[in-house]
Amino acid sequence: MTGKTHDLAAFSALNLAYIWHQPTTISLSTFLAVLCANFIGGLTPDIDQPAGNLWQRLPAGSLFGKLFAPFLGGHRHISHSILGLFLFGYGSRWLLERASHTILVDMNLVWWSFMIGLTSHLFMDLFTKEGVPLLFPLSFKFGIPPLSMLRVTTGKLVEKFLVLPALLLFDANLYYHHYRLFLSLFHSVF
C-alpha cells in the first residue's frame, strides 16, 4: 500500500480504538502527540526503503534512509514481521519513557497510538500481492486472500479507487454512529 493508504488506515484504526477505549480526558498536547505517533507508526515499517514516506517527510531523510535501510535486509523483511513489531514496540516504549521526563503528555496513550499505526501497516500490507513475512526470519509470506493474484497491487487502481474510499466510508460511518463520543473528545481537547 502507498503512504496515503497507510496514513488513512492508521487513523481509521485509531478511531476504532478510541471508540473501544474511550479515555475520559485528554490534553491538547497528548492529543497532538497521539496523532503524530499514529501517523509515524503507520509509516514506520517502510523505513526499510530509502524512498519510504517516513524518510521523505524528515529533513535529510533520504540520506538517512539510504544509510539505515540496508541494515533491515531490504523491503518487507524484519520491519514487516511480528519480530519487527516487538522490536519497534520495545524500542519506542524505551524512547518514550526517556522522553516522559521532559515532555508532559500521556506517553502510554502515545505508545498505544504508535503501535496501532504500526499494526495497521502490517494488516494493510497483508492485502497486497507481495504479502508480509510475519514469521521472519522464515521467508514465507502471508496474505489475504491466500492467492496472491487476488490481492491488491500497490499504488494501482484498486487501491486508489476501492481501498482508499472504503477507508473513508469506514471513518464516516464511525463518526456518524459515534457522533456524540467524538464530539465529547473534541470538547475535552479544545
N, C-alpha and C. Protein backbone atom coordinates (compact mmCIF):
# COMPACT_ATOMS: atom_id res chain seq x y z
N MET A 1 0.84 -1.18 0.00
CA MET A 1 0.00 0.00 0.00
C MET A 1 0.89 1.25 0.00
N THR A 2 0.32 2.32 -0.48
CA THR A 2 1.06 3.58 -0.53
C THR A 2 0.99 4.28 0.84
N GLY A 3 1.79 5.31 0.99
CA GLY A 3 1.82 6.06 2.24
C GLY A 3 0.47 6.66 2.61
N LYS A 4 -0.26 7.16 1.59
CA LYS A 4 -1.58 7.74 1.86
C LYS A 4 -2.53 6.71 2.46
N THR A 5 -2.49 5.51 1.90
CA THR A 5 -3.36 4.44 2.39
C THR A 5 -2.97 4.05 3.81
N HIS A 6 -1.66 3.96 4.06
CA HIS A 6 -1.21 3.61 5.41
C HIS A 6 -1.57 4.70 6.41
N ASP A 7 -1.47 5.97 6.01
CA ASP A 7 -1.87 7.07 6.89
C ASP A 7 -3.35 6.94 7.26
N LEU A 8 -4.18 6.75 6.25
CA LEU A 8 -5.62 6.68 6.49
C LEU A 8 -5.99 5.42 7.28
N ALA A 9 -5.34 4.30 6.99
CA ALA A 9 -5.62 3.07 7.72
C ALA A 9 -5.22 3.20 9.19
N ALA A 10 -4.09 3.83 9.45
CA ALA A 10 -3.65 4.05 10.84
C ALA A 10 -4.65 4.93 11.57
N PHE A 11 -5.10 5.99 10.91
CA PHE A 11 -6.08 6.90 11.51
C PHE A 11 -7.41 6.19 11.75
N SER A 12 -7.83 5.35 10.81
CA SER A 12 -9.07 4.59 10.97
C SER A 12 -8.97 3.64 12.16
N ALA A 13 -7.84 2.97 12.29
CA ALA A 13 -7.63 2.05 13.41
C ALA A 13 -7.62 2.82 14.73
N LEU A 14 -7.04 4.01 14.72
CA LEU A 14 -7.03 4.85 15.93
C LEU A 14 -8.44 5.27 16.30
N ASN A 15 -9.26 5.63 15.33
CA ASN A 15 -10.66 5.98 15.59
C ASN A 15 -11.39 4.81 16.24
N LEU A 16 -11.18 3.62 15.69
CA LEU A 16 -11.81 2.43 16.23
C LEU A 16 -11.34 2.16 17.65
N ALA A 17 -10.05 2.30 17.90
CA ALA A 17 -9.51 2.10 19.25
C ALA A 17 -10.08 3.12 20.23
N TYR A 18 -10.28 4.35 19.76
CA TYR A 18 -10.88 5.36 20.63
C TYR A 18 -12.30 4.97 21.03
N ILE A 19 -13.05 4.44 20.09
CA ILE A 19 -14.42 4.02 20.40
C ILE A 19 -14.41 2.90 21.44
N TRP A 20 -13.47 1.98 21.33
CA TRP A 20 -13.39 0.86 22.28
C TRP A 20 -12.88 1.32 23.64
N HIS A 21 -11.86 2.18 23.65
CA HIS A 21 -11.20 2.54 24.91
C HIS A 21 -11.84 3.74 25.59
N GLN A 22 -12.16 4.77 24.85
CA GLN A 22 -12.80 5.99 25.33
C GLN A 22 -12.11 6.60 26.55
N PRO A 23 -10.90 7.12 26.38
CA PRO A 23 -10.28 7.81 27.51
C PRO A 23 -11.13 9.01 27.92
N THR A 24 -11.26 9.22 29.21
CA THR A 24 -12.19 10.25 29.69
C THR A 24 -11.71 11.67 29.41
N THR A 25 -10.44 11.93 29.69
CA THR A 25 -9.91 13.26 29.40
C THR A 25 -8.58 13.11 28.69
N ILE A 26 -8.32 14.07 27.84
CA ILE A 26 -7.06 14.07 27.11
C ILE A 26 -6.68 15.52 26.84
N SER A 27 -5.44 15.86 27.11
CA SER A 27 -4.99 17.23 26.90
C SER A 27 -4.72 17.46 25.42
N LEU A 28 -4.65 18.71 25.04
CA LEU A 28 -4.37 19.06 23.66
C LEU A 28 -2.99 18.54 23.24
N SER A 29 -2.00 18.67 24.13
CA SER A 29 -0.65 18.20 23.79
C SER A 29 -0.63 16.68 23.61
N THR A 30 -1.35 15.96 24.46
CA THR A 30 -1.41 14.50 24.31
C THR A 30 -2.14 14.13 23.03
N PHE A 31 -3.23 14.84 22.74
CA PHE A 31 -4.00 14.59 21.52
C PHE A 31 -3.12 14.75 20.28
N LEU A 32 -2.35 15.83 20.22
CA LEU A 32 -1.47 16.07 19.08
C LEU A 32 -0.35 15.03 19.01
N ALA A 33 0.20 14.67 20.16
CA ALA A 33 1.25 13.64 20.19
C ALA A 33 0.71 12.28 19.76
N VAL A 34 -0.52 11.99 20.16
CA VAL A 34 -1.17 10.73 19.76
C VAL A 34 -1.34 10.67 18.25
N LEU A 35 -1.82 11.76 17.65
CA LEU A 35 -1.99 11.80 16.20
C LEU A 35 -0.65 11.63 15.48
N CYS A 36 0.36 12.35 15.93
CA CYS A 36 1.70 12.23 15.31
C CYS A 36 2.24 10.81 15.44
N ALA A 37 2.14 10.25 16.64
CA ALA A 37 2.65 8.90 16.87
C ALA A 37 1.92 7.88 16.00
N ASN A 38 0.63 8.08 15.81
CA ASN A 38 -0.15 7.16 14.99
C ASN A 38 0.31 7.20 13.54
N PHE A 39 0.50 8.39 13.01
CA PHE A 39 0.96 8.51 11.62
C PHE A 39 2.38 7.99 11.46
N ILE A 40 3.23 8.25 12.43
CA ILE A 40 4.60 7.73 12.37
C ILE A 40 4.58 6.21 12.43
N GLY A 41 3.77 5.66 13.32
CA GLY A 41 3.64 4.20 13.41
C GLY A 41 3.12 3.59 12.13
N GLY A 42 2.19 4.28 11.49
CA GLY A 42 1.63 3.77 10.23
C GLY A 42 2.63 3.74 9.09
N LEU A 43 3.69 4.52 9.19
CA LEU A 43 4.71 4.56 8.13
C LEU A 43 6.02 3.86 8.52
N THR A 44 6.19 3.55 9.79
CA THR A 44 7.46 3.01 10.28
C THR A 44 7.93 1.73 9.60
N PRO A 45 7.08 0.74 9.34
CA PRO A 45 7.61 -0.47 8.71
C PRO A 45 8.31 -0.22 7.37
N ASP A 46 7.98 0.87 6.71
CA ASP A 46 8.61 1.17 5.42
C ASP A 46 9.93 1.92 5.55
N ILE A 47 10.51 1.96 6.76
CA ILE A 47 11.84 2.55 6.88
C ILE A 47 12.89 1.65 6.24
N ASP A 48 12.48 0.46 5.82
CA ASP A 48 13.40 -0.43 5.11
C ASP A 48 13.55 -0.04 3.64
N GLN A 49 12.88 1.03 3.23
CA GLN A 49 13.01 1.58 1.88
C GLN A 49 13.60 2.98 1.97
N PRO A 50 14.70 3.26 1.30
CA PRO A 50 15.25 4.62 1.35
C PRO A 50 14.28 5.68 0.85
N ALA A 51 13.36 5.30 -0.03
CA ALA A 51 12.39 6.27 -0.57
C ALA A 51 11.05 6.19 0.17
N GLY A 52 11.02 5.55 1.33
CA GLY A 52 9.78 5.42 2.10
C GLY A 52 9.23 6.77 2.52
N ASN A 53 7.91 6.84 2.71
CA ASN A 53 7.25 8.11 3.04
C ASN A 53 7.77 8.73 4.32
N LEU A 54 8.10 7.93 5.31
CA LEU A 54 8.60 8.50 6.56
C LEU A 54 9.93 9.21 6.34
N TRP A 55 10.81 8.59 5.56
CA TRP A 55 12.10 9.23 5.26
C TRP A 55 11.90 10.51 4.47
N GLN A 56 10.93 10.52 3.56
CA GLN A 56 10.71 11.69 2.72
C GLN A 56 10.17 12.88 3.53
N ARG A 57 9.54 12.60 4.66
CA ARG A 57 8.96 13.67 5.46
C ARG A 57 9.94 14.26 6.48
N LEU A 58 11.11 13.68 6.58
CA LEU A 58 12.12 14.17 7.53
C LEU A 58 13.18 14.99 6.82
N PRO A 59 13.72 16.02 7.47
CA PRO A 59 14.83 16.75 6.86
C PRO A 59 16.02 15.80 6.67
N ALA A 60 16.59 15.80 5.50
CA ALA A 60 17.70 14.90 5.13
C ALA A 60 17.31 13.43 5.29
N GLY A 61 16.02 13.17 5.22
CA GLY A 61 15.52 11.80 5.42
C GLY A 61 16.00 10.83 4.37
N SER A 62 16.07 11.23 3.11
CA SER A 62 16.51 10.28 2.08
C SER A 62 17.96 9.87 2.29
N LEU A 63 18.76 10.76 2.83
CA LEU A 63 20.15 10.41 3.14
C LEU A 63 20.19 9.38 4.27
N PHE A 64 19.43 9.64 5.34
CA PHE A 64 19.37 8.69 6.45
C PHE A 64 18.76 7.37 6.00
N GLY A 65 17.76 7.43 5.12
CA GLY A 65 17.13 6.22 4.60
C GLY A 65 18.12 5.34 3.85
N LYS A 66 18.97 5.98 3.05
CA LYS A 66 19.98 5.22 2.30
C LYS A 66 21.00 4.59 3.22
N LEU A 67 21.30 5.24 4.32
CA LEU A 67 22.26 4.70 5.28
C LEU A 67 21.65 3.61 6.15
N PHE A 68 20.39 3.78 6.54
CA PHE A 68 19.75 2.90 7.51
C PHE A 68 19.10 1.66 6.88
N ALA A 69 18.48 1.82 5.72
CA ALA A 69 17.70 0.74 5.09
C ALA A 69 18.49 -0.56 4.87
N PRO A 70 19.75 -0.53 4.45
CA PRO A 70 20.45 -1.79 4.22
C PRO A 70 20.56 -2.69 5.46
N PHE A 71 20.50 -2.10 6.64
CA PHE A 71 20.59 -2.90 7.87
C PHE A 71 19.33 -3.71 8.14
N LEU A 72 18.24 -3.38 7.45
CA LEU A 72 16.98 -4.09 7.65
C LEU A 72 16.74 -5.19 6.62
N GLY A 73 17.70 -5.42 5.73
CA GLY A 73 17.61 -6.55 4.81
C GLY A 73 16.75 -6.34 3.58
N GLY A 74 16.35 -5.13 3.27
CA GLY A 74 15.52 -4.88 2.10
C GLY A 74 14.06 -4.71 2.50
N HIS A 75 13.26 -4.39 1.48
CA HIS A 75 11.85 -4.11 1.74
C HIS A 75 11.08 -5.37 2.12
N ARG A 76 10.24 -5.22 3.12
CA ARG A 76 9.38 -6.29 3.64
C ARG A 76 10.17 -7.48 4.17
N HIS A 77 11.05 -7.17 5.07
CA HIS A 77 11.75 -8.22 5.81
C HIS A 77 11.40 -8.06 7.29
N ILE A 78 12.38 -7.80 8.11
CA ILE A 78 12.16 -7.75 9.56
C ILE A 78 11.17 -6.67 9.98
N SER A 79 11.16 -5.54 9.30
CA SER A 79 10.27 -4.45 9.71
C SER A 79 8.80 -4.75 9.43
N HIS A 80 8.53 -5.79 8.65
CA HIS A 80 7.16 -6.19 8.34
C HIS A 80 6.82 -7.53 9.00
N SER A 81 7.41 -7.81 10.14
CA SER A 81 7.20 -9.10 10.80
C SER A 81 6.75 -8.91 12.24
N ILE A 82 6.36 -10.01 12.86
CA ILE A 82 5.99 -9.97 14.27
C ILE A 82 7.21 -9.62 15.11
N LEU A 83 8.38 -10.16 14.73
CA LEU A 83 9.62 -9.81 15.42
C LEU A 83 9.87 -8.30 15.33
N GLY A 84 9.70 -7.73 14.15
CA GLY A 84 9.86 -6.28 13.98
C GLY A 84 8.86 -5.51 14.82
N LEU A 85 7.63 -6.01 14.89
CA LEU A 85 6.59 -5.37 15.70
C LEU A 85 7.04 -5.30 17.16
N PHE A 86 7.59 -6.40 17.68
CA PHE A 86 8.07 -6.40 19.07
C PHE A 86 9.29 -5.49 19.24
N LEU A 87 10.20 -5.51 18.29
CA LEU A 87 11.39 -4.65 18.39
C LEU A 87 11.02 -3.17 18.34
N PHE A 88 10.16 -2.80 17.41
CA PHE A 88 9.69 -1.41 17.34
C PHE A 88 8.92 -1.04 18.61
N GLY A 89 8.10 -1.97 19.08
CA GLY A 89 7.33 -1.71 20.30
C GLY A 89 8.22 -1.49 21.50
N TYR A 90 9.20 -2.36 21.68
CA TYR A 90 10.11 -2.23 22.81
C TYR A 90 10.95 -0.96 22.67
N GLY A 91 11.48 -0.72 21.48
CA GLY A 91 12.32 0.46 21.26
C GLY A 91 11.56 1.76 21.46
N SER A 92 10.34 1.81 20.94
CA SER A 92 9.55 3.04 21.10
C SER A 92 9.13 3.24 22.55
N ARG A 93 8.82 2.16 23.25
CA ARG A 93 8.47 2.27 24.68
C ARG A 93 9.66 2.84 25.46
N TRP A 94 10.85 2.33 25.16
CA TRP A 94 12.06 2.80 25.83
C TRP A 94 12.29 4.29 25.56
N LEU A 95 12.17 4.69 24.29
CA LEU A 95 12.36 6.11 23.94
C LEU A 95 11.32 7.01 24.62
N LEU A 96 10.07 6.56 24.62
CA LEU A 96 9.02 7.38 25.21
C LEU A 96 9.18 7.49 26.72
N GLU A 97 9.66 6.44 27.37
CA GLU A 97 9.91 6.52 28.81
C GLU A 97 11.00 7.55 29.11
N ARG A 98 12.03 7.61 28.26
CA ARG A 98 13.09 8.61 28.44
C ARG A 98 12.54 10.02 28.20
N ALA A 99 11.70 10.16 27.20
CA ALA A 99 11.15 11.47 26.87
C ALA A 99 10.10 11.94 27.87
N SER A 100 9.50 11.01 28.61
CA SER A 100 8.41 11.37 29.52
C SER A 100 8.88 12.28 30.66
N HIS A 101 10.18 12.35 30.88
CA HIS A 101 10.70 13.23 31.94
C HIS A 101 10.72 14.69 31.51
N THR A 102 10.69 14.93 30.20
CA THR A 102 10.75 16.31 29.71
C THR A 102 9.51 16.74 28.92
N ILE A 103 8.78 15.77 28.37
CA ILE A 103 7.59 16.08 27.59
C ILE A 103 6.36 15.69 28.40
N LEU A 104 5.48 16.64 28.65
CA LEU A 104 4.34 16.40 29.53
C LEU A 104 3.11 15.96 28.74
N VAL A 105 3.13 14.73 28.28
CA VAL A 105 1.97 14.12 27.63
C VAL A 105 1.81 12.72 28.21
N ASP A 106 0.66 12.12 27.98
CA ASP A 106 0.40 10.75 28.43
C ASP A 106 1.12 9.80 27.47
N MET A 107 2.33 9.38 27.85
CA MET A 107 3.16 8.55 26.98
C MET A 107 2.55 7.17 26.74
N ASN A 108 1.72 6.71 27.65
CA ASN A 108 1.07 5.42 27.44
C ASN A 108 0.13 5.51 26.23
N LEU A 109 -0.66 6.58 26.16
CA LEU A 109 -1.55 6.77 25.00
C LEU A 109 -0.74 6.98 23.72
N VAL A 110 0.37 7.69 23.82
CA VAL A 110 1.22 7.93 22.65
C VAL A 110 1.78 6.59 22.16
N TRP A 111 2.25 5.76 23.08
CA TRP A 111 2.81 4.46 22.69
C TRP A 111 1.74 3.58 22.04
N TRP A 112 0.57 3.51 22.65
CA TRP A 112 -0.50 2.69 22.06
C TRP A 112 -0.89 3.21 20.68
N SER A 113 -0.91 4.50 20.52
CA SER A 113 -1.24 5.08 19.22
C SER A 113 -0.19 4.69 18.17
N PHE A 114 1.08 4.75 18.55
CA PHE A 114 2.16 4.33 17.65
C PHE A 114 1.98 2.86 17.27
N MET A 115 1.70 2.00 18.24
CA MET A 115 1.55 0.57 17.99
C MET A 115 0.32 0.27 17.13
N ILE A 116 -0.74 1.03 17.31
CA ILE A 116 -1.93 0.86 16.47
C ILE A 116 -1.59 1.19 15.02
N GLY A 117 -0.87 2.28 14.81
CA GLY A 117 -0.45 2.63 13.45
C GLY A 117 0.47 1.58 12.86
N LEU A 118 1.42 1.08 13.64
CA LEU A 118 2.36 0.06 13.19
C LEU A 118 1.63 -1.22 12.80
N THR A 119 0.72 -1.65 13.65
CA THR A 119 -0.04 -2.88 13.37
C THR A 119 -0.95 -2.71 12.16
N SER A 120 -1.54 -1.53 12.01
CA SER A 120 -2.40 -1.31 10.84
C SER A 120 -1.60 -1.41 9.54
N HIS A 121 -0.35 -0.97 9.58
CA HIS A 121 0.51 -1.07 8.39
C HIS A 121 0.68 -2.53 7.99
N LEU A 122 1.02 -3.37 8.95
CA LEU A 122 1.21 -4.79 8.65
C LEU A 122 -0.10 -5.41 8.15
N PHE A 123 -1.20 -5.05 8.80
CA PHE A 123 -2.50 -5.58 8.39
C PHE A 123 -2.83 -5.19 6.95
N MET A 124 -2.66 -3.93 6.61
CA MET A 124 -2.97 -3.48 5.26
C MET A 124 -2.07 -4.14 4.22
N ASP A 125 -0.80 -4.33 4.55
CA ASP A 125 0.11 -4.98 3.59
C ASP A 125 -0.20 -6.46 3.38
N LEU A 126 -0.98 -7.05 4.26
CA LEU A 126 -1.43 -8.43 4.04
C LEU A 126 -2.28 -8.54 2.77
N PHE A 127 -2.93 -7.45 2.38
CA PHE A 127 -3.82 -7.45 1.22
C PHE A 127 -3.10 -7.16 -0.10
N THR A 128 -1.79 -6.96 -0.06
CA THR A 128 -1.03 -6.68 -1.27
C THR A 128 -0.47 -7.95 -1.88
N LYS A 129 -0.17 -7.89 -3.15
CA LYS A 129 0.37 -9.05 -3.87
C LYS A 129 1.64 -9.59 -3.22
N GLU A 130 2.47 -8.68 -2.67
CA GLU A 130 3.74 -9.10 -2.07
C GLU A 130 3.55 -9.86 -0.77
N GLY A 131 2.49 -9.60 -0.04
CA GLY A 131 2.27 -10.24 1.24
C GLY A 131 3.25 -9.73 2.30
N VAL A 132 3.24 -10.37 3.47
CA VAL A 132 4.05 -9.93 4.60
C VAL A 132 4.72 -11.15 5.25
N PRO A 133 6.04 -11.06 5.50
CA PRO A 133 6.75 -12.17 6.15
C PRO A 133 6.57 -12.12 7.67
N LEU A 134 5.37 -12.38 8.15
CA LEU A 134 5.07 -12.25 9.57
C LEU A 134 5.99 -13.08 10.45
N LEU A 135 6.45 -14.22 9.96
CA LEU A 135 7.29 -15.12 10.77
C LEU A 135 8.77 -14.99 10.44
N PHE A 136 9.19 -13.79 9.99
CA PHE A 136 10.59 -13.56 9.71
C PHE A 136 11.41 -14.05 10.90
N PRO A 137 12.49 -14.78 10.70
CA PRO A 137 13.32 -14.94 9.52
C PRO A 137 12.87 -16.01 8.53
N LEU A 138 11.75 -16.68 8.78
CA LEU A 138 11.23 -17.59 7.77
C LEU A 138 10.78 -16.76 6.57
N SER A 139 11.06 -17.22 5.38
CA SER A 139 10.79 -16.40 4.18
C SER A 139 9.34 -16.49 3.70
N PHE A 140 8.53 -17.35 4.29
CA PHE A 140 7.15 -17.50 3.86
C PHE A 140 6.38 -16.20 4.11
N LYS A 141 5.63 -15.75 3.11
CA LYS A 141 4.85 -14.51 3.24
C LYS A 141 3.37 -14.83 3.32
N PHE A 142 2.70 -14.14 4.22
CA PHE A 142 1.27 -14.30 4.42
C PHE A 142 0.53 -13.23 3.64
N GLY A 143 -0.68 -13.54 3.21
CA GLY A 143 -1.50 -12.58 2.51
C GLY A 143 -2.97 -12.95 2.61
N ILE A 144 -3.81 -11.95 2.42
CA ILE A 144 -5.26 -12.14 2.42
C ILE A 144 -5.79 -11.59 1.11
N PRO A 145 -6.47 -12.38 0.32
CA PRO A 145 -6.68 -13.81 0.40
C PRO A 145 -5.38 -14.58 0.11
N PRO A 146 -5.37 -15.88 0.39
CA PRO A 146 -4.14 -16.64 0.23
C PRO A 146 -3.56 -16.63 -1.19
N LEU A 147 -4.38 -16.51 -2.21
CA LEU A 147 -3.88 -16.46 -3.59
C LEU A 147 -3.46 -15.04 -3.93
N SER A 148 -2.17 -14.86 -4.24
CA SER A 148 -1.64 -13.50 -4.46
C SER A 148 -2.27 -12.81 -5.66
N MET A 149 -2.74 -13.59 -6.65
CA MET A 149 -3.34 -12.96 -7.83
C MET A 149 -4.65 -12.25 -7.50
N LEU A 150 -5.25 -12.55 -6.34
CA LEU A 150 -6.49 -11.91 -5.94
C LEU A 150 -6.27 -10.70 -5.04
N ARG A 151 -5.00 -10.40 -4.75
CA ARG A 151 -4.68 -9.29 -3.85
C ARG A 151 -4.43 -8.00 -4.62
N VAL A 152 -4.32 -6.92 -3.87
CA VAL A 152 -4.17 -5.56 -4.40
C VAL A 152 -2.72 -5.31 -4.83
N THR A 153 -2.56 -4.65 -5.97
CA THR A 153 -1.24 -4.19 -6.40
C THR A 153 -1.05 -2.77 -5.85
N THR A 154 0.05 -2.57 -5.15
CA THR A 154 0.34 -1.29 -4.51
C THR A 154 0.32 -0.14 -5.51
N GLY A 155 -0.45 0.90 -5.18
CA GLY A 155 -0.49 2.12 -5.99
C GLY A 155 -1.33 2.04 -7.24
N LYS A 156 -2.00 0.95 -7.47
CA LYS A 156 -2.81 0.81 -8.70
C LYS A 156 -4.27 1.19 -8.44
N LEU A 157 -5.11 0.97 -9.42
CA LEU A 157 -6.50 1.44 -9.39
C LEU A 157 -7.31 0.91 -8.22
N VAL A 158 -7.14 -0.36 -7.87
CA VAL A 158 -7.95 -0.94 -6.79
C VAL A 158 -7.64 -0.23 -5.47
N GLU A 159 -6.37 0.04 -5.24
CA GLU A 159 -6.03 0.76 -4.01
C GLU A 159 -6.59 2.18 -4.03
N LYS A 160 -6.42 2.87 -5.15
CA LYS A 160 -6.85 4.27 -5.25
C LYS A 160 -8.36 4.43 -5.25
N PHE A 161 -9.07 3.54 -5.94
CA PHE A 161 -10.49 3.74 -6.13
C PHE A 161 -11.38 2.78 -5.37
N LEU A 162 -10.80 1.85 -4.60
CA LEU A 162 -11.60 0.95 -3.79
C LEU A 162 -11.16 0.98 -2.33
N VAL A 163 -9.87 0.78 -2.08
CA VAL A 163 -9.38 0.70 -0.70
C VAL A 163 -9.48 2.07 0.00
N LEU A 164 -8.93 3.11 -0.62
CA LEU A 164 -8.99 4.45 0.00
C LEU A 164 -10.43 4.92 0.24
N PRO A 165 -11.31 4.84 -0.76
CA PRO A 165 -12.70 5.25 -0.49
C PRO A 165 -13.38 4.38 0.57
N ALA A 166 -13.04 3.08 0.61
CA ALA A 166 -13.63 2.21 1.63
C ALA A 166 -13.20 2.65 3.03
N LEU A 167 -11.93 3.03 3.17
CA LEU A 167 -11.46 3.53 4.47
C LEU A 167 -12.14 4.85 4.84
N LEU A 168 -12.33 5.72 3.87
CA LEU A 168 -13.03 6.98 4.13
C LEU A 168 -14.48 6.74 4.55
N LEU A 169 -15.14 5.81 3.88
CA LEU A 169 -16.52 5.47 4.24
C LEU A 169 -16.58 4.82 5.62
N PHE A 170 -15.58 4.00 5.94
CA PHE A 170 -15.50 3.38 7.26
C PHE A 170 -15.41 4.46 8.34
N ASP A 171 -14.53 5.44 8.13
CA ASP A 171 -14.40 6.54 9.10
C ASP A 171 -15.69 7.36 9.19
N ALA A 172 -16.28 7.66 8.05
CA ALA A 172 -17.53 8.43 8.05
C ALA A 172 -18.62 7.67 8.82
N ASN A 173 -18.66 6.37 8.65
CA ASN A 173 -19.63 5.54 9.37
C ASN A 173 -19.36 5.57 10.88
N LEU A 174 -18.09 5.50 11.26
CA LEU A 174 -17.74 5.59 12.68
C LEU A 174 -18.18 6.93 13.26
N TYR A 175 -17.90 8.00 12.54
CA TYR A 175 -18.28 9.34 13.02
C TYR A 175 -19.80 9.49 13.09
N TYR A 176 -20.49 8.94 12.13
CA TYR A 176 -21.94 9.04 12.12
C TYR A 176 -22.55 8.30 13.31
N HIS A 177 -22.11 7.07 13.54
CA HIS A 177 -22.69 6.24 14.60
C HIS A 177 -22.18 6.59 16.00
N HIS A 178 -21.06 7.27 16.09
CA HIS A 178 -20.48 7.62 17.39
C HIS A 178 -20.24 9.12 17.48
N TYR A 179 -21.15 9.87 16.90
CA TYR A 179 -21.03 11.32 16.83
C TYR A 179 -20.82 11.94 18.20
N ARG A 180 -21.65 11.57 19.16
CA ARG A 180 -21.57 12.17 20.50
C ARG A 180 -20.25 11.86 21.18
N LEU A 181 -19.74 10.67 20.97
CA LEU A 181 -18.46 10.28 21.55
C LEU A 181 -17.32 11.12 20.99
N PHE A 182 -17.29 11.29 19.68
CA PHE A 182 -16.24 12.11 19.07
C PHE A 182 -16.41 13.58 19.41
N LEU A 183 -17.65 14.02 19.56
CA LEU A 183 -17.90 15.39 19.96
C LEU A 183 -17.40 15.64 21.39
N SER A 184 -17.60 14.66 22.27
CA SER A 184 -17.09 14.82 23.64
C SER A 184 -15.56 14.85 23.66
N LEU A 185 -14.93 14.08 22.78
CA LEU A 185 -13.46 14.14 22.65
C LEU A 185 -13.04 15.53 22.21
N PHE A 186 -13.72 16.05 21.22
CA PHE A 186 -13.42 17.39 20.71
C PHE A 186 -13.55 18.43 21.83
N HIS A 187 -14.61 18.33 22.62
CA HIS A 187 -14.82 19.29 23.70
C HIS A 187 -13.79 19.13 24.82
N SER A 188 -13.36 17.91 25.09
CA SER A 188 -12.37 17.72 26.16
C SER A 188 -10.98 18.21 25.73
N VAL A 189 -10.69 18.14 24.43
CA VAL A 189 -9.38 18.56 23.93
C VAL A 189 -9.34 20.06 23.75
N PHE A 190 -10.40 20.62 23.16
CA PHE A 190 -10.41 22.04 22.84
C PHE A 190 -11.29 22.79 23.80
